[in-house]
Amino acid sequence: MDMIDPFGRTISYLRVSVTDRCDFRCTYCMAEDMTFLPKKDLLSLEELDRLCSVFIEKGVRKLRLTGGEPLVRKNIMHLVRQLSRHLESGALEELTLTTNGSQLSRFAAELADCGVKRINVSLDTLDADKFRQITRWGN
């Protein structure tokens, strides 16, 4: 059973924010005095898996994990591995990730092993000084 939006279009894409946390503090995204959600208010990885699985059963074919920075979520690869079963079964065409790239060298091989074939990297500038100014982060 497909999901249809009010304009009659089939909904086949889902973007899921797995955390509001990030290792950058970009000026356009986080106020300096920002308060994060208490961890108890976040969906567990099991709840996220169930939620995504229901949407996949309803016709979602492409799933993007975002944040914050999704790769700072504790045990995020457990969720990615769980969701990859939908790629293996053919129920899901694409599992992708949006990241700032800071943790990518640590997780790239495992993401690829789980069937992630595309990663969107947010890159605001190639200028190191502007990067530090925007992200309020080191190098």
C-alpha atoms as a PDB file:
ATOM      1  CA  MET A   1       0.000   0.000   0.000  1.00  0.00           C
ATOM      2  CA  ASP A   2       1.643   3.223  -1.183  1.00  0.00           C
ATOM      3  CA  MET A   3       1.403   6.519   0.646  1.00  0.00           C
ATOM      4  CA  ILE A   4       0.027   9.406  -1.408  1.00  0.00           C
ATOM      5  CA  ASP A   5       0.503  13.092  -0.590  1.00  0.00           C
ATOM      6  CA  PRO A   6      -2.318  15.689  -0.936  1.00  0.00           C
ATOM      7  CA  PHE A   7      -1.209  16.367  -4.539  1.00  0.00           C
ATOM      8  CA  GLY A   8      -1.580  12.733  -5.580  1.00  0.00           C
ATOM      9  CA  ARG A   9       2.149  11.977  -5.617  1.00  0.00           C
ATOM     10  CA  THR A  10       3.498   8.705  -4.269  1.00  0.00           C
ATOM     11  CA  ILE A  11       5.724   9.206  -1.238  1.00  0.00           C
ATOM     12  CA  SER A  12       8.805   7.063  -1.828  1.00  0.00           C
ATOM     13  CA  TYR A  13      11.514   9.021   0.028  1.00  0.00           C
ATOM     14  CA  LEU A  14      12.035   9.415   3.771  1.00  0.00           C
ATOM     15  CA  ARG A  15      14.584  11.559   5.565  1.00  0.00           C
ATOM     16  CA  VAL A  16      15.139  10.592   9.206  1.00  0.00           C
ATOM     17  CA  SER A  17      17.085  12.668  11.713  1.00  0.00           C
ATOM     18  CA  VAL A  18      18.738  10.191  14.078  1.00  0.00           C
ATOM     19  CA  THR A  19      20.152  12.827  16.456  1.00  0.00           C
ATOM     20  CA  ASP A  20      20.236  16.555  17.073  1.00  0.00           C
ATOM     21  CA  ARG A  21      23.862  16.298  18.230  1.00  0.00           C
ATOM     22  CA  CYS A  22      26.801  17.347  16.083  1.00  0.00           C
ATOM     23  CA  ASP A  23      30.537  17.727  16.525  1.00  0.00           C
ATOM     24  CA  PHE A  24      30.436  21.060  14.666  1.00  0.00           C
ATOM     25  CA  ARG A  25      28.644  24.149  15.939  1.00  0.00           C
ATOM     26  CA  CYS A  26      27.737  25.794  12.643  1.00  0.00           C
ATOM     27  CA  THR A  27      26.430  29.307  13.067  1.00  0.00           C
ATOM     28  CA  TYR A  28      23.436  28.673  10.787  1.00  0.00           C
ATOM     29  CA  CYS A  29      22.421  25.486  12.597  1.00  0.00           C
ATOM     30  CA  MET A  30      23.221  25.838  16.301  1.00  0.00           C
ATOM     31  CA  ALA A  31      22.923  28.829  18.549  1.00  0.00           C
ATOM     32  CA  GLU A  32      25.849  29.161  20.948  1.00  0.00           C
ATOM     33  CA  ASP A  33      23.518  28.525  23.880  1.00  0.00           C
ATOM     34  CA  MET A  34      21.583  25.708  22.206  1.00  0.00           C
ATOM     35  CA  THR A  35      20.131  23.049  24.475  1.00  0.00           C
ATOM     36  CA  PHE A  36      20.042  19.534  23.055  1.00  0.00           C
ATOM     37  CA  LEU A  37      17.129  17.192  23.554  1.00  0.00           C
ATOM     38  CA  PRO A  38      17.559  15.020  26.626  1.00  0.00           C
ATOM     39  CA  LYS A  39      18.763  11.588  25.507  1.00  0.00           C
ATOM     40  CA  LYS A  40      15.683  10.014  27.090  1.00  0.00           C
ATOM     41  CA  ASP A  41      13.528  11.943  24.583  1.00  0.00           C
ATOM     42  CA  LEU A  42      15.330  10.554  21.522  1.00  0.00           C
ATOM     43  CA  LEU A  43      13.955   7.512  19.753  1.00  0.00           C
ATOM     44  CA  SER A  44      16.050   4.456  20.505  1.00  0.00           C
ATOM     45  CA  LEU A  45      17.848   2.737  17.631  1.00  0.00           C
ATOM     46  CA  GLU A  46      15.263  -0.053  17.838  1.00  0.00           C
ATOM     47  CA  GLU A  47      12.419   2.489  17.621  1.00  0.00           C
ATOM     48  CA  LEU A  48      14.090   4.156  14.633  1.00  0.00           C
ATOM     49  CA  ASP A  49      14.431   0.767  12.936  1.00  0.00           C
ATOM     50  CA  ARG A  50      10.747  -0.022  13.531  1.00  0.00           C
ATOM     51  CA  LEU A  51       9.674   3.419  12.307  1.00  0.00           C
ATOM     52  CA  CYS A  52      11.752   3.195   9.127  1.00  0.00           C
ATOM     53  CA  SER A  53      10.605  -0.380   8.521  1.00  0.00           C
ATOM     54  CA  VAL A  54       6.941   0.651   8.685  1.00  0.00           C
ATOM     55  CA  PHE A  55       7.552   3.400   6.129  1.00  0.00           C
ATOM     56  CA  ILE A  56       9.392   0.917   3.895  1.00  0.00           C
ATOM     57  CA  GLU A  57       6.417  -1.452   4.154  1.00  0.00           C
ATOM     58  CA  LYS A  58       4.217   1.481   3.075  1.00  0.00           C
ATOM     59  CA  GLY A  59       6.257   2.097  -0.074  1.00  0.00           C
ATOM     60  CA  VAL A  60       9.291   4.188   0.872  1.00  0.00           C
ATOM     61  CA  ARG A  61      12.087   3.114  -1.501  1.00  0.00           C
ATOM     62  CA  LYS A  62      14.794   5.631  -0.567  1.00  0.00           C
ATOM     63  CA  LEU A  63      15.890   6.392   2.982  1.00  0.00           C
ATOM     64  CA  ARG A  64      18.326   9.107   4.068  1.00  0.00           C
ATOM     65  CA  LEU A  65      19.787   9.276   7.588  1.00  0.00           C
ATOM     66  CA  THR A  66      20.617  12.771   8.804  1.00  0.00           C
ATOM     67  CA  GLY A  67      21.126  14.678  12.030  1.00  0.00           C
ATOM     68  CA  GLY A  68      22.708  16.789  13.491  1.00  0.00           C
ATOM     69  CA  GLU A  69      25.635  14.640  12.542  1.00  0.00           C
ATOM     70  CA  PRO A  70      24.344  11.059  12.263  1.00  0.00           C
ATOM     71  CA  LEU A  71      27.775   9.495  12.734  1.00  0.00           C
ATOM     72  CA  VAL A  72      28.093  10.876  16.277  1.00  0.00           C
ATOM     73  CA  ARG A  73      25.005   8.920  17.374  1.00  0.00           C
ATOM     74  CA  LYS A  74      26.176   6.141  19.677  1.00  0.00           C
ATOM     75  CA  ASN A  75      25.996   2.736  17.948  1.00  0.00           C
ATOM     76  CA  ILE A  76      24.675   4.276  14.724  1.00  0.00           C
ATOM     77  CA  MET A  77      26.173   1.441  12.702  1.00  0.00           C
ATOM     78  CA  HIS A  78      23.854  -0.984  14.483  1.00  0.00           C
ATOM     79  CA  LEU A  79      20.909   0.908  12.958  1.00  0.00           C
ATOM     80  CA  VAL A  80      22.558   1.049   9.531  1.00  0.00           C
ATOM     81  CA  ARG A  81      23.209  -2.708   9.650  1.00  0.00           C
ATOM     82  CA  GLN A  82      19.603  -3.356  10.671  1.00  0.00           C
ATOM     83  CA  LEU A  83      18.230  -1.170   7.878  1.00  0.00           C
ATOM     84  CA  SER A  84      20.497  -2.801   5.307  1.00  0.00           C
ATOM     85  CA  ARG A  85      18.307  -5.918   5.458  1.00  0.00           C
ATOM     86  CA  HIS A  86      15.744  -3.938   3.444  1.00  0.00           C
ATOM     87  CA  LEU A  87      18.359  -3.366   0.731  1.00  0.00           C
ATOM     88  CA  GLU A  88      19.145  -7.078   0.678  1.00  0.00           C
ATOM     89  CA  SER A  89      15.460  -7.999   0.366  1.00  0.00           C
ATOM     90  CA  GLY A  90      14.889  -5.445  -2.404  1.00  0.00           C
ATOM     91  CA  ALA A  91      12.267  -3.555  -0.396  1.00  0.00           C
ATOM     92  CA  LEU A  92      14.591  -0.534  -0.220  1.00  0.00           C
ATOM     93  CA  GLU A  93      16.422   0.796  -3.284  1.00  0.00           C
ATOM     94  CA  GLU A  94      18.723   3.244  -1.562  1.00  0.00           C
ATOM     95  CA  LEU A  95      20.082   3.893   1.926  1.00  0.00           C
ATOM     96  CA  THR A  96      22.034   7.147   2.080  1.00  0.00           C
ATOM     97  CA  LEU A  97      23.563   9.445   4.656  1.00  0.00           C
ATOM     98  CA  THR A  98      24.092  13.186   5.002  1.00  0.00           C
ATOM     99  CA  THR A  99      27.195  14.051   7.038  1.00  0.00           C
ATOM    100  CA  ASN A 100      29.637  16.866   7.690  1.00  0.00           C
ATOM    101  CA  GLY A 101      32.376  14.339   6.893  1.00  0.00           C
ATOM    102  CA  SER A 102      34.236  14.653  10.194  1.00  0.00           C
ATOM    103  CA  GLN A 103      33.711  10.988  11.130  1.00  0.00           C
ATOM    104  CA  LEU A 104      33.663   9.543   7.629  1.00  0.00           C
ATOM    105  CA  SER A 105      37.140   7.998   7.625  1.00  0.00           C
ATOM    106  CA  ARG A 106      36.136   6.022  10.712  1.00  0.00           C
ATOM    107  CA  PHE A 107      32.883   4.674   9.237  1.00  0.00           C
ATOM    108  CA  ALA A 108      33.238   4.688   5.419  1.00  0.00           C
ATOM    109  CA  ALA A 109      34.207   1.032   4.957  1.00  0.00           C
ATOM    110  CA  GLU A 110      31.464  -0.241   7.235  1.00  0.00           C
ATOM    111  CA  LEU A 111      28.878   2.001   5.565  1.00  0.00           C
ATOM    112  CA  ALA A 112      29.887   0.572   2.194  1.00  0.00           C
ATOM    113  CA  ASP A 113      29.677  -2.974   3.589  1.00  0.00           C
ATOM    114  CA  CYS A 114      26.108  -2.211   4.674  1.00  0.00           C
ATOM    115  CA  GLY A 115      25.129  -1.178   1.151  1.00  0.00           C
ATOM    116  CA  VAL A 116      25.355   2.600   1.495  1.00  0.00           C
ATOM    117  CA  LYS A 117      26.326   3.670  -2.010  1.00  0.00           C
ATOM    118  CA  ARG A 118      25.882   7.409  -1.691  1.00  0.00           C
ATOM    119  CA  ILE A 119      26.863   9.885   0.991  1.00  0.00           C
ATOM    120  CA  ASN A 120      26.114  13.591   0.864  1.00  0.00           C
ATOM    121  CA  VAL A 121      28.833  15.638   2.539  1.00  0.00           C
ATOM    122  CA  SER A 122      27.910  19.137   3.692  1.00  0.00           C
ATOM    123  CA  LEU A 123      30.842  21.405   2.920  1.00  0.00           C
ATOM    124  CA  ASP A 124      30.299  25.120   3.407  1.00  0.00           C
ATOM    125  CA  THR A 125      33.649  26.432   2.199  1.00  0.00           C
ATOM    126  CA  LEU A 126      37.125  25.407   1.088  1.00  0.00           C
ATOM    127  CA  ASP A 127      38.647  28.363   2.932  1.00  0.00           C
ATOM    128  CA  ALA A 128      40.088  27.165   6.288  1.00  0.00           C
ATOM    129  CA  ASP A 129      39.479  30.459   8.104  1.00  0.00           C
ATOM    130  CA  LYS A 130      35.885  30.688   6.916  1.00  0.00           C
ATOM    131  CA  PHE A 131      35.398  27.024   7.836  1.00  0.00           C
ATOM    132  CA  ARG A 132      36.529  27.692  11.427  1.00  0.00           C
ATOM    133  CA  GLN A 133      34.300  30.762  11.581  1.00  0.00           C
ATOM    134  CA  ILE A 134      31.210  28.954  10.267  1.00  0.00           C
ATOM    135  CA  THR A 135      31.637  25.685  12.171  1.00  0.00           C
ATOM    136  CA  ARG A 136      33.213  27.086  15.358  1.00  0.00           C
ATOM    137  CA  TRP A 137      35.476  24.036  15.095  1.00  0.00           C
ATOM    138  CA  GLY A 138      39.220  23.480  14.740  1.00  0.00           C
ATOM    139  CA  ASN A 139      40.717  22.296  11.472  1.00  0.00           C
END
